[in-house]
């Protein structure tokens, strides 16, 4: 987005990012789909599609999040410039080395509302009653290769 478009779009929600676990019958998905404004455009990986398919409207459009990611980002950008709102399903916490971080880095000015779900480290910390802030995580292999 250009600077003027970013200013004009400030405060607008372009993408609803919905965190999920592997539960084949998620309770929160149907409620979110019914209660957020969207244009029947949904996105996620193959696994996410199989889980949410029963909750999608009959005329839903699905954008699969897959490599090459630039093609997905280009499609998102095109739809957002048309004023469309996308509901994207992702695993766990979208900002923990996730797709929301990729969107934030590559599609400047795009407004997101994020509904995170516990990631596996958070669930482990809760189970073991360890404060999450005390867990140390190393960068993903993708990040290590960029820093060399």
Protein backbone atom coordinates (compact mmCIF):
# COMPACT_ATOMS: atom_id res chain seq x y z
CA UNK A 1 0.00 0.00 0.00
CA UNK A 2 1.19 3.53 -0.72
CA UNK A 3 1.42 6.14 2.03
CA UNK A 4 -1.87 7.82 1.09
CA UNK A 5 -3.67 4.45 1.03
CA UNK A 6 -2.20 3.61 4.44
CA UNK A 7 -3.50 6.89 5.88
CA UNK A 8 -6.96 6.40 4.35
CA UNK A 9 -7.16 2.81 5.59
CA UNK A 10 -6.03 3.60 9.15
CA UNK A 11 -8.31 1.91 11.67
CA UNK A 12 -10.05 -0.29 9.09
CA UNK A 13 -9.95 -4.04 9.56
CA UNK A 14 -8.76 -5.82 6.43
CA UNK A 15 -7.99 -9.22 7.93
CA UNK A 16 -9.39 -11.17 10.85
CA UNK A 17 -6.68 -13.59 11.94
CA UNK A 18 -8.19 -16.54 13.84
CA UNK A 19 -5.87 -18.79 15.85
CA UNK A 20 -6.79 -22.48 16.04
CA UNK A 21 -5.65 -25.74 17.54
CA UNK A 22 -6.09 -29.17 15.94
CA UNK A 23 -9.54 -29.81 17.42
CA UNK A 24 -11.68 -31.19 14.56
CA UNK A 25 -14.77 -29.53 16.09
CA UNK A 26 -13.69 -26.04 17.20
CA UNK A 27 -16.37 -24.23 19.14
CA UNK A 28 -15.22 -20.67 18.53
CA UNK A 29 -15.01 -20.76 14.71
CA UNK A 30 -18.74 -20.72 13.99
CA UNK A 31 -19.30 -17.86 16.43
CA UNK A 32 -16.53 -15.78 14.88
CA UNK A 33 -17.68 -16.40 11.29
CA UNK A 34 -21.21 -15.33 12.21
CA UNK A 35 -20.14 -12.23 14.12
CA UNK A 36 -17.39 -10.54 12.13
CA UNK A 37 -17.97 -8.53 8.97
CA UNK A 38 -16.39 -10.36 6.06
CA UNK A 39 -16.82 -10.80 2.32
CA UNK A 40 -17.01 -14.62 2.29
CA UNK A 41 -13.28 -14.73 1.64
CA UNK A 42 -11.46 -17.18 3.88
CA UNK A 43 -7.91 -18.41 4.04
CA UNK A 44 -5.64 -20.91 5.78
CA UNK A 45 -3.71 -24.10 5.21
CA UNK A 46 -5.18 -27.37 3.92
CA UNK A 47 -5.57 -28.64 7.48
CA UNK A 48 -7.44 -25.50 8.52
CA UNK A 49 -9.77 -25.82 5.55
CA UNK A 50 -10.73 -29.37 6.49
CA UNK A 51 -11.55 -28.24 10.03
CA UNK A 52 -13.56 -25.10 9.18
CA UNK A 53 -15.23 -26.28 5.96
CA UNK A 54 -18.52 -27.22 7.74
CA UNK A 55 -18.82 -23.66 9.10
CA UNK A 56 -18.16 -21.78 5.85
CA UNK A 57 -20.94 -20.20 3.78
CA UNK A 58 -21.84 -22.07 0.59
CA UNK A 59 -20.40 -19.28 -1.59
CA UNK A 60 -17.13 -18.99 0.35
CA UNK A 61 -13.88 -18.33 -1.49
CA UNK A 62 -10.83 -20.11 -0.01
CA UNK A 63 -7.25 -18.86 -0.40
CA UNK A 64 -4.80 -21.56 0.59
CA UNK A 65 -1.77 -20.37 2.53
CA UNK A 66 1.11 -22.23 0.90
CA UNK A 67 4.43 -21.69 -0.81
CA UNK A 68 5.25 -19.55 -2.63
CA UNK A 69 3.99 -17.14 0.03
CA UNK A 70 4.48 -14.15 -2.28
CA UNK A 71 1.57 -15.38 -4.41
CA UNK A 72 -0.66 -15.52 -1.32
CA UNK A 73 0.44 -12.05 -0.25
CA UNK A 74 -0.24 -10.69 -3.74
CA UNK A 75 -3.78 -12.13 -3.66
CA UNK A 76 -4.38 -10.66 -0.19
CA UNK A 77 -3.08 -7.29 -1.39
CA UNK A 78 -5.35 -7.32 -4.45
CA UNK A 79 -8.43 -8.16 -2.40
CA UNK A 80 -7.63 -5.56 0.26
CA UNK A 81 -7.21 -2.88 -2.41
CA UNK A 82 -10.69 -3.85 -3.64
CA UNK A 83 -11.97 -3.16 -0.10
CA UNK A 84 -12.54 -6.82 0.76
CA UNK A 85 -12.23 -8.28 4.26
CA UNK A 86 -10.49 -11.64 4.68
CA UNK A 87 -10.89 -14.15 7.51
CA UNK A 88 -7.66 -16.10 7.88
CA UNK A 89 -7.33 -19.27 9.98
CA UNK A 90 -3.89 -19.98 11.42
CA UNK A 91 -2.34 -22.29 14.00
CA UNK A 92 -1.98 -21.06 17.56
CA UNK A 93 -0.73 -17.54 18.10
CA UNK A 94 -0.43 -15.76 14.73
CA UNK A 95 2.39 -13.49 15.95
CA UNK A 96 4.62 -16.28 17.32
CA UNK A 97 6.66 -16.87 14.13
CA UNK A 98 3.32 -16.95 12.38
CA UNK A 99 1.40 -15.66 9.41
CA UNK A 100 0.34 -12.42 11.13
CA UNK A 101 4.01 -11.47 11.45
CA UNK A 102 4.48 -12.18 7.73
CA UNK A 103 1.48 -9.97 6.89
CA UNK A 104 2.75 -7.20 9.17
CA UNK A 105 6.21 -7.25 7.52
CA UNK A 106 5.01 -7.47 3.91
CA UNK A 107 1.68 -5.66 3.68
CA UNK A 108 2.31 -2.33 5.39
CA UNK A 109 -0.76 -0.48 6.59
CA UNK A 110 -3.03 -3.51 6.60
CA UNK A 111 -5.38 -3.50 9.59
CA UNK A 112 -5.74 -6.81 11.43
CA UNK A 113 -7.82 -8.01 14.32
CA UNK A 114 -6.26 -11.10 15.84
CA UNK A 115 -7.97 -13.81 17.87
CA UNK A 116 -5.00 -15.89 19.09
CA UNK A 117 -5.19 -19.42 20.39
CA UNK A 118 -2.70 -20.88 22.83
CA UNK A 119 0.39 -22.17 21.09
CA UNK A 120 2.06 -25.38 22.26
CA UNK A 121 4.62 -23.58 24.44
CA UNK A 122 1.89 -21.63 26.22
CA UNK A 123 -0.09 -24.82 26.77
CA UNK A 124 3.03 -26.52 28.17
CA UNK A 125 3.69 -23.57 30.50
CA UNK A 126 0.09 -23.68 31.77
CA UNK A 127 0.24 -27.44 32.28
CA UNK A 128 3.53 -27.24 34.20
CA UNK A 129 2.50 -23.99 35.96
CA UNK A 130 5.54 -22.14 34.69
CA UNK A 131 5.24 -18.41 33.98
CA UNK A 132 5.29 -18.13 30.20
CA UNK A 133 7.70 -15.19 30.34
CA UNK A 134 10.36 -17.51 31.82
CA UNK A 135 10.44 -19.80 28.80
CA UNK A 136 13.32 -19.23 26.41
CA UNK A 137 12.70 -19.84 22.75
CA UNK A 138 15.36 -19.82 20.12
CA UNK A 139 14.65 -18.19 16.78
CA UNK A 140 13.21 -20.37 14.08
CA UNK A 141 15.67 -21.87 11.56
CA UNK A 142 14.31 -19.37 9.00
CA UNK A 143 15.42 -16.44 11.17
CA UNK A 144 18.86 -17.93 11.86
CA UNK A 145 19.63 -18.21 8.15
CA UNK A 146 18.70 -14.57 7.54
CA UNK A 147 21.09 -13.29 10.18
CA UNK A 148 24.18 -14.93 8.66
